[in-house]
Amino acid sequence: MIPHCTGMENENRNLKRFGQNLKAHRLDSGFPTLRSLADKVGISYKSLFNIESGLNWPSMPVYLRICQELKLPDPPLF
């Protein structure tokens, strides 16, 4: 029997993947710490931590500011 993926499991997997991609782009873009990027984007360390950890999606304005600071065309992270 093939296990199926519930909507919530799929959502959690997508959140984790997004966070992992964001972290890789952050490090590649010269932001060695969460705080360094959070300060540039104008959000709290905890907010960025929650996004990178796969706990929360960023709002669209925050997402666009992150893309701008990382010099990425939007939307490349997902």
N, C-alpha and C. Protein backbone atom coordinates (compact mmCIF):
# COMPACT_ATOMS: atom_id res chain seq x y z
N MET A 1 0.85 -1.18 0.00
CA MET A 1 0.00 0.00 0.00
C MET A 1 0.89 1.25 0.00
N ILE A 2 0.56 2.21 -0.84
CA ILE A 2 1.31 3.45 -0.92
C ILE A 2 0.69 4.46 0.04
N PRO A 3 1.50 4.99 0.96
CA PRO A 3 0.94 6.00 1.87
C PRO A 3 0.60 7.27 1.11
N HIS A 4 -0.46 7.92 1.50
CA HIS A 4 -0.83 9.16 0.84
C HIS A 4 -0.47 10.34 1.74
N CYS A 5 -0.36 11.45 1.12
CA CYS A 5 0.05 12.67 1.80
C CYS A 5 -1.19 13.51 2.06
N THR A 6 -1.41 13.88 3.30
CA THR A 6 -2.54 14.76 3.59
C THR A 6 -2.15 16.19 3.23
N GLY A 7 -3.13 17.03 3.14
CA GLY A 7 -2.87 18.44 2.83
C GLY A 7 -1.93 19.08 3.83
N MET A 8 -2.09 18.75 5.11
CA MET A 8 -1.25 19.33 6.15
C MET A 8 0.19 18.82 6.03
N GLU A 9 0.37 17.55 5.74
CA GLU A 9 1.73 17.01 5.56
C GLU A 9 2.41 17.68 4.38
N ASN A 10 1.68 17.87 3.30
CA ASN A 10 2.22 18.53 2.12
C ASN A 10 2.59 19.97 2.44
N GLU A 11 1.74 20.66 3.16
CA GLU A 11 2.00 22.05 3.56
C GLU A 11 3.27 22.12 4.42
N ASN A 12 3.41 21.20 5.38
CA ASN A 12 4.59 21.19 6.24
C ASN A 12 5.85 20.92 5.43
N ARG A 13 5.76 20.03 4.47
CA ARG A 13 6.90 19.72 3.61
C ARG A 13 7.29 20.96 2.79
N ASN A 14 6.29 21.66 2.27
CA ASN A 14 6.56 22.87 1.48
C ASN A 14 7.19 23.97 2.34
N LEU A 15 6.69 24.12 3.57
CA LEU A 15 7.27 25.12 4.48
C LEU A 15 8.73 24.80 4.78
N LYS A 16 9.02 23.54 5.05
CA LYS A 16 10.40 23.13 5.34
C LYS A 16 11.30 23.39 4.14
N ARG A 17 10.84 23.01 2.96
CA ARG A 17 11.63 23.20 1.74
C ARG A 17 11.89 24.70 1.51
N PHE A 18 10.87 25.51 1.68
CA PHE A 18 11.02 26.95 1.52
C PHE A 18 12.08 27.48 2.48
N GLY A 19 11.98 27.08 3.75
CA GLY A 19 12.94 27.54 4.75
C GLY A 19 14.36 27.11 4.44
N GLN A 20 14.53 25.88 3.98
CA GLN A 20 15.86 25.39 3.61
C GLN A 20 16.42 26.18 2.43
N ASN A 21 15.58 26.45 1.44
CA ASN A 21 16.02 27.23 0.28
C ASN A 21 16.38 28.66 0.68
N LEU A 22 15.57 29.24 1.55
CA LEU A 22 15.85 30.59 2.02
C LEU A 22 17.20 30.64 2.73
N LYS A 23 17.46 29.68 3.61
CA LYS A 23 18.73 29.65 4.33
C LYS A 23 19.90 29.54 3.36
N ALA A 24 19.79 28.66 2.38
CA ALA A 24 20.87 28.49 1.40
C ALA A 24 21.11 29.80 0.64
N HIS A 25 20.04 30.46 0.22
CA HIS A 25 20.19 31.74 -0.50
C HIS A 25 20.77 32.82 0.42
N ARG A 26 20.35 32.82 1.68
CA ARG A 26 20.87 33.81 2.64
C ARG A 26 22.38 33.65 2.79
N LEU A 27 22.82 32.42 2.99
CA LEU A 27 24.26 32.17 3.17
C LEU A 27 25.03 32.49 1.90
N ASP A 28 24.49 32.10 0.75
CA ASP A 28 25.15 32.37 -0.54
C ASP A 28 25.23 33.87 -0.83
N SER A 29 24.31 34.64 -0.27
CA SER A 29 24.25 36.08 -0.55
C SER A 29 25.05 36.92 0.44
N GLY A 30 25.79 36.27 1.32
CA GLY A 30 26.66 37.00 2.23
C GLY A 30 26.02 37.46 3.52
N PHE A 31 24.93 36.83 3.91
CA PHE A 31 24.31 37.11 5.20
C PHE A 31 24.55 35.91 6.11
N PRO A 32 25.64 35.93 6.89
CA PRO A 32 26.00 34.74 7.67
C PRO A 32 25.07 34.44 8.85
N THR A 33 24.32 35.44 9.30
CA THR A 33 23.43 35.21 10.43
C THR A 33 22.00 35.61 10.08
N LEU A 34 21.08 35.01 10.81
CA LEU A 34 19.68 35.39 10.66
C LEU A 34 19.49 36.87 10.99
N ARG A 35 20.16 37.32 12.04
CA ARG A 35 20.00 38.70 12.49
C ARG A 35 20.45 39.69 11.41
N SER A 36 21.53 39.35 10.69
CA SER A 36 22.02 40.28 9.67
C SER A 36 20.99 40.50 8.57
N LEU A 37 20.30 39.44 8.15
CA LEU A 37 19.26 39.60 7.13
C LEU A 37 18.00 40.21 7.73
N ALA A 38 17.62 39.77 8.91
CA ALA A 38 16.40 40.30 9.55
C ALA A 38 16.49 41.82 9.71
N ASP A 39 17.65 42.30 10.13
CA ASP A 39 17.83 43.75 10.30
C ASP A 39 17.68 44.49 8.97
N LYS A 40 18.25 43.94 7.91
CA LYS A 40 18.15 44.57 6.59
C LYS A 40 16.71 44.57 6.06
N VAL A 41 15.98 43.49 6.34
CA VAL A 41 14.60 43.35 5.85
C VAL A 41 13.63 44.16 6.71
N GLY A 42 14.02 44.40 7.97
CA GLY A 42 13.15 45.16 8.87
C GLY A 42 12.16 44.30 9.63
N ILE A 43 12.57 43.06 9.91
CA ILE A 43 11.73 42.16 10.71
C ILE A 43 12.56 41.66 11.88
N SER A 44 11.90 41.04 12.83
CA SER A 44 12.61 40.53 14.00
C SER A 44 13.38 39.26 13.65
N TYR A 45 14.41 39.01 14.44
CA TYR A 45 15.18 37.77 14.33
C TYR A 45 14.23 36.58 14.43
N LYS A 46 13.32 36.63 15.40
CA LYS A 46 12.40 35.51 15.65
C LYS A 46 11.50 35.25 14.44
N SER A 47 11.04 36.30 13.78
CA SER A 47 10.20 36.13 12.59
C SER A 47 10.97 35.41 11.49
N LEU A 48 12.21 35.84 11.25
CA LEU A 48 13.01 35.20 10.22
C LEU A 48 13.37 33.77 10.63
N PHE A 49 13.65 33.57 11.91
CA PHE A 49 13.92 32.22 12.41
C PHE A 49 12.74 31.29 12.13
N ASN A 50 11.53 31.77 12.39
CA ASN A 50 10.33 30.96 12.16
C ASN A 50 10.13 30.64 10.68
N ILE A 51 10.49 31.57 9.81
CA ILE A 51 10.36 31.33 8.37
C ILE A 51 11.40 30.30 7.93
N GLU A 52 12.64 30.50 8.33
CA GLU A 52 13.70 29.55 7.94
C GLU A 52 13.50 28.17 8.55
N SER A 53 12.88 28.12 9.70
CA SER A 53 12.66 26.83 10.38
C SER A 53 11.46 26.09 9.82
N GLY A 54 10.73 26.72 8.92
CA GLY A 54 9.57 26.07 8.33
C GLY A 54 8.34 26.11 9.21
N LEU A 55 8.28 27.11 10.09
CA LEU A 55 7.12 27.24 10.98
C LEU A 55 6.08 28.21 10.43
N ASN A 56 6.53 29.19 9.66
CA ASN A 56 5.63 30.22 9.13
C ASN A 56 6.03 30.59 7.71
N TRP A 57 5.03 30.98 6.93
CA TRP A 57 5.29 31.59 5.62
C TRP A 57 5.51 33.08 5.86
N PRO A 58 6.34 33.72 5.06
CA PRO A 58 6.44 35.17 5.16
C PRO A 58 5.24 35.82 4.48
N SER A 59 4.90 37.01 4.94
CA SER A 59 3.88 37.76 4.22
C SER A 59 4.47 38.15 2.87
N MET A 60 3.64 38.54 1.93
CA MET A 60 4.14 38.93 0.62
C MET A 60 5.09 40.13 0.70
N PRO A 61 4.77 41.18 1.47
CA PRO A 61 5.72 42.30 1.56
C PRO A 61 7.08 41.87 2.13
N VAL A 62 7.06 41.01 3.14
CA VAL A 62 8.31 40.53 3.73
C VAL A 62 9.06 39.67 2.71
N TYR A 63 8.34 38.80 2.03
CA TYR A 63 8.96 37.95 1.01
C TYR A 63 9.65 38.79 -0.06
N LEU A 64 8.99 39.83 -0.52
CA LEU A 64 9.56 40.68 -1.56
C LEU A 64 10.79 41.43 -1.05
N ARG A 65 10.76 41.87 0.22
CA ARG A 65 11.94 42.55 0.80
C ARG A 65 13.10 41.56 0.93
N ILE A 66 12.80 40.32 1.32
CA ILE A 66 13.85 39.30 1.41
C ILE A 66 14.48 39.09 0.03
N CYS A 67 13.65 38.93 -0.99
CA CYS A 67 14.16 38.75 -2.36
C CYS A 67 15.02 39.92 -2.78
N GLN A 68 14.60 41.12 -2.42
CA GLN A 68 15.36 42.32 -2.78
C GLN A 68 16.72 42.32 -2.08
N GLU A 69 16.74 42.04 -0.79
CA GLU A 69 18.00 42.06 -0.05
C GLU A 69 18.95 40.95 -0.52
N LEU A 70 18.40 39.80 -0.90
CA LEU A 70 19.23 38.70 -1.38
C LEU A 70 19.55 38.85 -2.87
N LYS A 71 19.01 39.93 -3.48
CA LYS A 71 19.22 40.20 -4.91
C LYS A 71 18.76 39.04 -5.78
N LEU A 72 17.57 38.54 -5.44
CA LEU A 72 16.98 37.42 -6.17
C LEU A 72 15.74 37.90 -6.92
N PRO A 73 15.53 37.40 -8.12
CA PRO A 73 14.27 37.71 -8.78
C PRO A 73 13.14 37.00 -8.04
N ASP A 74 12.00 37.62 -7.92
CA ASP A 74 10.92 36.93 -7.22
C ASP A 74 10.08 36.16 -8.20
N PRO A 75 9.55 35.07 -7.86
CA PRO A 75 9.68 34.27 -6.64
C PRO A 75 10.55 33.02 -6.83
N PRO A 76 11.81 33.05 -6.46
CA PRO A 76 12.68 31.91 -6.71
C PRO A 76 12.80 30.89 -5.59
N LEU A 77 12.34 31.21 -4.39
CA LEU A 77 12.69 30.38 -3.24
C LEU A 77 11.90 29.10 -3.09
N PHE A 78 10.75 29.02 -3.68
CA PHE A 78 9.92 27.83 -3.45
C PHE A 78 10.21 26.78 -4.49
